[in-house]
Protein backbone atom coordinates (compact mmCIF):
# COMPACT_ATOMS: atom_id res chain seq x y z
CA MET A 1 34.90 24.42 102.60
CA ASN A 2 35.11 27.95 101.21
CA ASP A 3 38.10 28.77 103.45
CA ARG A 4 39.91 25.69 102.20
CA VAL A 5 39.40 26.74 98.58
CA LYS A 6 40.87 30.18 99.29
CA GLU A 7 43.98 28.58 100.81
CA PHE A 8 44.47 26.29 97.80
CA GLN A 9 46.96 27.56 95.23
CA ARG A 10 47.80 25.55 92.13
CA GLU A 11 51.48 24.89 91.53
CA GLY A 12 51.10 24.22 87.81
CA LEU A 13 50.18 27.34 85.85
CA SER A 14 48.85 27.53 82.32
CA VAL A 15 50.66 29.79 79.87
CA SER A 16 47.86 32.37 80.21
CA GLU A 17 48.07 32.33 84.01
CA ALA A 18 51.87 32.63 83.93
CA CYS A 19 51.59 35.59 81.53
CA HIS A 20 49.12 37.29 83.85
CA ILE A 21 51.29 36.77 86.94
CA ALA A 22 54.50 37.85 85.16
CA GLY A 23 52.87 40.79 83.40
CA VAL A 24 54.11 39.79 79.95
CA GLY A 25 52.43 38.67 76.75
CA ARG A 26 52.31 35.15 75.33
CA THR A 27 54.94 35.87 72.68
CA LYS A 28 57.44 37.15 75.25
CA LEU A 29 56.74 34.21 77.57
CA TYR A 30 57.32 31.74 74.72
CA GLU A 31 60.59 33.57 73.93
CA PHE A 32 61.71 32.97 77.52
CA LEU A 33 60.73 29.31 77.21
CA SER A 34 62.51 28.77 73.89
CA SER A 35 65.69 30.47 75.17
CA GLY A 36 65.75 28.20 78.22
CA ALA A 37 65.45 31.12 80.65
CA LEU A 38 62.14 29.67 81.88
CA THR A 39 61.20 26.00 81.91
CA ALA A 40 57.85 24.38 81.26
CA ARG A 41 56.40 20.91 81.66
CA LYS A 42 54.01 19.04 79.38
CA VAL A 43 50.96 17.09 80.49
CA GLY A 44 49.60 15.64 77.30
CA LYS A 45 49.14 18.66 75.05
CA LYS A 46 48.93 21.12 77.93
CA THR A 47 51.95 23.25 78.80
CA LEU A 48 52.41 23.94 82.50
CA ILE A 49 54.82 26.31 84.19
CA LEU A 50 55.54 25.52 87.80
CA ARG A 51 54.85 28.45 90.10
CA GLN A 52 58.28 28.07 91.76
CA ASP A 53 60.03 28.16 88.35
CA LEU A 54 58.16 31.32 87.39
CA MET A 55 58.94 33.01 90.73
CA ARG A 56 62.63 32.05 90.43
CA PHE A 57 62.73 33.39 86.86
CA LEU A 58 61.15 36.70 87.92
CA ALA A 59 63.47 37.06 90.91
CA ASN A 60 66.51 36.59 88.67
CA LEU A 61 65.55 39.27 86.15
CA PRO A 62 67.97 42.20 86.13
CA LYS A 63 67.08 45.19 88.27
CA ALA A 64 65.93 48.33 86.49
CA ALA A 65 68.39 51.19 86.46
């Protein structure tokens, strides 16, 4: 059972989890959401960011000079 739990990875991330993974603060993440650069889903009152959307967003950020 413990091995199965380690393999499990949620696809829907909370705003806090997405901030942690992306390395940005809540304000910046909400700026990305309001600009349409990153999309979110709603489940009732909860905001979820799909892991694949977050990874795509991060991969498309401009490279540092």
